[in-house]
Amino acid sequence: MDVMRMEFSLCSFDGALPVEVTIDDDNGRYTIRKSDRSGEYFNSSNELIAWVKKHFHEEEFCHPHEFRGMLAKLTDYEVNGSYF
């Protein structure tokens, strides 16, 4: 049984806590915790990915390459249904 779960933790410039992005298909959990501790909850991975692409930008993060890597994995997941 394949477990489809992705978690990302990215350091952002606007807070001490990392931004955390979670896609957990097995448990139906699609969440974002922002650096200010507020959060976003979604009904599907596609909703979460669309939100990330619209609201987050690489210049907001301490390590832009990590943000770009997350976007690449999310896009691959969105297109192919996997992130491998």
N, C-alpha and C. Protein backbone atom coordinates (compact mmCIF):
# COMPACT_ATOMS: atom_id res chain seq x y z
N MET A 1 0.85 -1.18 0.00
CA MET A 1 0.00 0.00 0.00
C MET A 1 0.89 1.24 0.00
N ASP A 2 0.68 2.10 -0.98
CA ASP A 2 1.46 3.33 -1.07
C ASP A 2 0.92 4.37 -0.11
N VAL A 3 1.81 5.01 0.59
CA VAL A 3 1.43 6.09 1.49
C VAL A 3 1.78 7.40 0.79
N MET A 4 0.78 8.22 0.56
CA MET A 4 1.01 9.49 -0.11
C MET A 4 0.97 10.60 0.93
N ARG A 5 2.15 11.00 1.35
CA ARG A 5 2.26 12.06 2.34
C ARG A 5 3.49 12.89 2.02
N MET A 6 3.30 14.18 1.99
CA MET A 6 4.41 15.11 1.79
C MET A 6 4.33 16.16 2.87
N GLU A 7 5.49 16.47 3.41
CA GLU A 7 5.58 17.54 4.40
C GLU A 7 6.80 18.40 4.06
N PHE A 8 6.60 19.69 4.11
CA PHE A 8 7.67 20.64 3.86
C PHE A 8 7.72 21.63 5.02
N SER A 9 8.92 22.01 5.40
CA SER A 9 9.12 23.00 6.44
C SER A 9 10.11 24.02 5.89
N LEU A 10 9.65 25.24 5.70
CA LEU A 10 10.47 26.28 5.06
C LEU A 10 10.64 27.47 5.98
N CYS A 11 11.86 27.93 6.10
CA CYS A 11 12.17 29.12 6.89
C CYS A 11 11.74 30.36 6.10
N SER A 12 10.93 31.21 6.74
CA SER A 12 10.50 32.44 6.07
C SER A 12 11.08 33.65 6.81
N PHE A 13 11.15 34.76 6.09
CA PHE A 13 11.72 35.98 6.67
C PHE A 13 10.78 36.67 7.65
N ASP A 14 9.48 36.36 7.60
CA ASP A 14 8.53 37.13 8.41
C ASP A 14 8.18 36.52 9.75
N GLY A 15 8.85 35.47 10.16
CA GLY A 15 8.53 34.89 11.46
C GLY A 15 9.58 33.92 11.94
N ALA A 16 9.53 33.64 13.24
CA ALA A 16 10.51 32.73 13.84
C ALA A 16 10.19 31.27 13.55
N LEU A 17 8.92 30.97 13.34
CA LEU A 17 8.51 29.59 13.07
C LEU A 17 8.55 29.32 11.57
N PRO A 18 8.83 28.09 11.19
CA PRO A 18 8.82 27.76 9.76
C PRO A 18 7.40 27.67 9.21
N VAL A 19 7.28 27.86 7.93
CA VAL A 19 6.04 27.60 7.22
C VAL A 19 6.00 26.09 6.98
N GLU A 20 4.89 25.45 7.32
CA GLU A 20 4.77 24.01 7.13
C GLU A 20 3.63 23.71 6.18
N VAL A 21 3.93 22.91 5.17
CA VAL A 21 2.95 22.51 4.16
C VAL A 21 2.82 21.00 4.24
N THR A 22 1.59 20.50 4.39
CA THR A 22 1.35 19.07 4.52
C THR A 22 0.27 18.61 3.56
N ILE A 23 0.61 17.58 2.80
CA ILE A 23 -0.37 16.86 1.99
C ILE A 23 -0.35 15.42 2.49
N ASP A 24 -1.46 14.98 3.05
CA ASP A 24 -1.58 13.63 3.59
C ASP A 24 -2.86 13.01 3.04
N ASP A 25 -2.73 12.34 1.91
CA ASP A 25 -3.90 11.76 1.24
C ASP A 25 -4.56 10.67 2.08
N ASP A 26 -3.78 9.88 2.78
CA ASP A 26 -4.35 8.77 3.56
C ASP A 26 -5.32 9.26 4.63
N ASN A 27 -5.03 10.41 5.21
CA ASN A 27 -5.88 10.95 6.28
C ASN A 27 -6.71 12.15 5.83
N GLY A 28 -6.63 12.50 4.56
CA GLY A 28 -7.41 13.63 4.05
C GLY A 28 -7.03 14.95 4.69
N ARG A 29 -5.73 15.13 4.94
CA ARG A 29 -5.25 16.34 5.62
C ARG A 29 -4.41 17.15 4.65
N TYR A 30 -4.87 18.37 4.38
CA TYR A 30 -4.20 19.27 3.44
C TYR A 30 -4.10 20.62 4.14
N THR A 31 -2.95 20.90 4.72
CA THR A 31 -2.83 22.07 5.58
C THR A 31 -1.57 22.88 5.31
N ILE A 32 -1.66 24.14 5.68
CA ILE A 32 -0.51 25.05 5.69
C ILE A 32 -0.51 25.75 7.03
N ARG A 33 0.62 25.70 7.72
CA ARG A 33 0.79 26.53 8.92
C ARG A 33 1.78 27.61 8.56
N LYS A 34 1.32 28.85 8.67
CA LYS A 34 2.17 29.98 8.33
C LYS A 34 3.09 30.32 9.50
N SER A 35 4.07 31.15 9.23
CA SER A 35 5.06 31.49 10.26
C SER A 35 4.47 32.27 11.42
N ASP A 36 3.30 32.85 11.26
CA ASP A 36 2.65 33.57 12.36
C ASP A 36 1.69 32.67 13.14
N ARG A 37 1.73 31.39 12.89
CA ARG A 37 0.91 30.35 13.54
C ARG A 37 -0.51 30.26 13.01
N SER A 38 -0.88 31.16 12.10
CA SER A 38 -2.20 31.01 11.49
C SER A 38 -2.12 29.87 10.48
N GLY A 39 -3.25 29.45 9.98
CA GLY A 39 -3.22 28.32 9.07
C GLY A 39 -4.28 28.37 8.01
N GLU A 40 -4.12 27.50 7.06
CA GLU A 40 -5.07 27.31 5.98
C GLU A 40 -5.36 25.82 5.90
N TYR A 41 -6.62 25.50 5.68
CA TYR A 41 -7.05 24.11 5.56
C TYR A 41 -7.79 23.94 4.25
N PHE A 42 -7.56 22.83 3.57
CA PHE A 42 -8.11 22.61 2.25
C PHE A 42 -8.80 21.26 2.17
N ASN A 43 -9.71 21.13 1.20
CA ASN A 43 -10.43 19.87 1.00
C ASN A 43 -9.69 18.90 0.10
N SER A 44 -8.68 19.39 -0.62
CA SER A 44 -7.94 18.52 -1.54
C SER A 44 -6.52 19.04 -1.72
N SER A 45 -5.68 18.17 -2.24
CA SER A 45 -4.30 18.57 -2.53
C SER A 45 -4.28 19.63 -3.63
N ASN A 46 -5.17 19.52 -4.61
CA ASN A 46 -5.18 20.50 -5.69
C ASN A 46 -5.52 21.90 -5.19
N GLU A 47 -6.44 22.00 -4.23
CA GLU A 47 -6.75 23.31 -3.64
C GLU A 47 -5.54 23.88 -2.92
N LEU A 48 -4.84 23.04 -2.15
CA LEU A 48 -3.65 23.49 -1.43
C LEU A 48 -2.58 23.96 -2.40
N ILE A 49 -2.31 23.19 -3.44
CA ILE A 49 -1.26 23.53 -4.40
C ILE A 49 -1.60 24.85 -5.10
N ALA A 50 -2.84 25.03 -5.49
CA ALA A 50 -3.25 26.29 -6.14
C ALA A 50 -3.04 27.47 -5.19
N TRP A 51 -3.36 27.28 -3.91
CA TRP A 51 -3.18 28.35 -2.93
C TRP A 51 -1.70 28.70 -2.78
N VAL A 52 -0.85 27.69 -2.67
CA VAL A 52 0.59 27.92 -2.54
C VAL A 52 1.11 28.71 -3.73
N LYS A 53 0.73 28.31 -4.93
CA LYS A 53 1.20 28.98 -6.14
C LYS A 53 0.73 30.43 -6.21
N LYS A 54 -0.43 30.71 -5.66
CA LYS A 54 -0.99 32.07 -5.72
C LYS A 54 -0.44 32.97 -4.61
N HIS A 55 -0.20 32.43 -3.42
CA HIS A 55 0.08 33.27 -2.25
C HIS A 55 1.53 33.26 -1.76
N PHE A 56 2.32 32.27 -2.10
CA PHE A 56 3.71 32.23 -1.66
C PHE A 56 4.64 32.58 -2.83
N HIS A 57 5.73 33.26 -2.50
CA HIS A 57 6.73 33.64 -3.50
C HIS A 57 8.11 33.37 -2.93
N GLU A 58 9.03 32.95 -3.78
CA GLU A 58 10.34 32.50 -3.29
C GLU A 58 11.10 33.55 -2.51
N GLU A 59 10.89 34.84 -2.80
CA GLU A 59 11.63 35.88 -2.08
C GLU A 59 11.18 36.03 -0.62
N GLU A 60 10.09 35.35 -0.24
CA GLU A 60 9.63 35.37 1.15
C GLU A 60 10.39 34.38 2.04
N PHE A 61 11.19 33.51 1.42
CA PHE A 61 11.82 32.42 2.16
C PHE A 61 13.33 32.59 2.24
N CYS A 62 13.88 32.12 3.35
CA CYS A 62 15.32 32.25 3.61
C CYS A 62 16.15 31.49 2.59
N HIS A 63 15.63 30.38 2.12
CA HIS A 63 16.34 29.52 1.18
C HIS A 63 15.46 29.29 -0.05
N PRO A 64 15.54 30.21 -1.03
CA PRO A 64 14.67 30.12 -2.19
C PRO A 64 14.73 28.78 -2.92
N HIS A 65 15.89 28.14 -2.91
CA HIS A 65 16.01 26.84 -3.60
C HIS A 65 15.12 25.79 -2.94
N GLU A 66 14.91 25.87 -1.62
CA GLU A 66 14.01 24.94 -0.95
C GLU A 66 12.57 25.19 -1.38
N PHE A 67 12.21 26.46 -1.52
CA PHE A 67 10.87 26.80 -2.00
C PHE A 67 10.67 26.28 -3.42
N ARG A 68 11.65 26.51 -4.29
CA ARG A 68 11.54 26.03 -5.67
C ARG A 68 11.46 24.50 -5.72
N GLY A 69 12.21 23.83 -4.84
CA GLY A 69 12.15 22.37 -4.77
C GLY A 69 10.77 21.89 -4.34
N MET A 70 10.17 22.58 -3.36
CA MET A 70 8.83 22.22 -2.93
C MET A 70 7.84 22.42 -4.08
N LEU A 71 7.94 23.54 -4.77
CA LEU A 71 7.03 23.80 -5.90
C LEU A 71 7.17 22.73 -6.97
N ALA A 72 8.39 22.31 -7.24
CA ALA A 72 8.61 21.27 -8.26
C ALA A 72 7.94 19.97 -7.83
N LYS A 73 8.07 19.59 -6.57
CA LYS A 73 7.43 18.36 -6.09
C LYS A 73 5.92 18.48 -6.09
N LEU A 74 5.40 19.64 -5.69
CA LEU A 74 3.95 19.84 -5.70
C LEU A 74 3.40 19.80 -7.12
N THR A 75 4.11 20.40 -8.06
CA THR A 75 3.68 20.40 -9.45
C THR A 75 3.71 18.99 -10.02
N ASP A 76 4.76 18.23 -9.71
CA ASP A 76 4.84 16.84 -10.17
C ASP A 76 3.69 16.03 -9.59
N TYR A 77 3.40 16.25 -8.33
CA TYR A 77 2.29 15.55 -7.68
C TYR A 77 0.96 15.92 -8.35
N GLU A 78 0.79 17.21 -8.65
CA GLU A 78 -0.43 17.70 -9.27
C GLU A 78 -0.63 17.08 -10.66
N VAL A 79 0.45 16.97 -11.41
CA VAL A 79 0.38 16.49 -12.79
C VAL A 79 0.34 14.96 -12.86
N ASN A 80 1.20 14.31 -12.07
CA ASN A 80 1.37 12.86 -12.19
C ASN A 80 0.75 12.04 -11.07
N GLY A 81 0.30 12.70 -10.01
CA GLY A 81 -0.27 11.96 -8.90
C GLY A 81 0.77 11.33 -7.99
N SER A 82 2.04 11.69 -8.19
CA SER A 82 3.11 11.20 -7.31
C SER A 82 4.19 12.25 -7.24
N TYR A 83 5.10 12.05 -6.32
CA TYR A 83 6.19 13.02 -6.17
C TYR A 83 7.53 12.32 -6.21
N PHE A 84 7.58 11.13 -6.77
CA PHE A 84 8.85 10.39 -6.84
C PHE A 84 9.57 10.70 -8.13
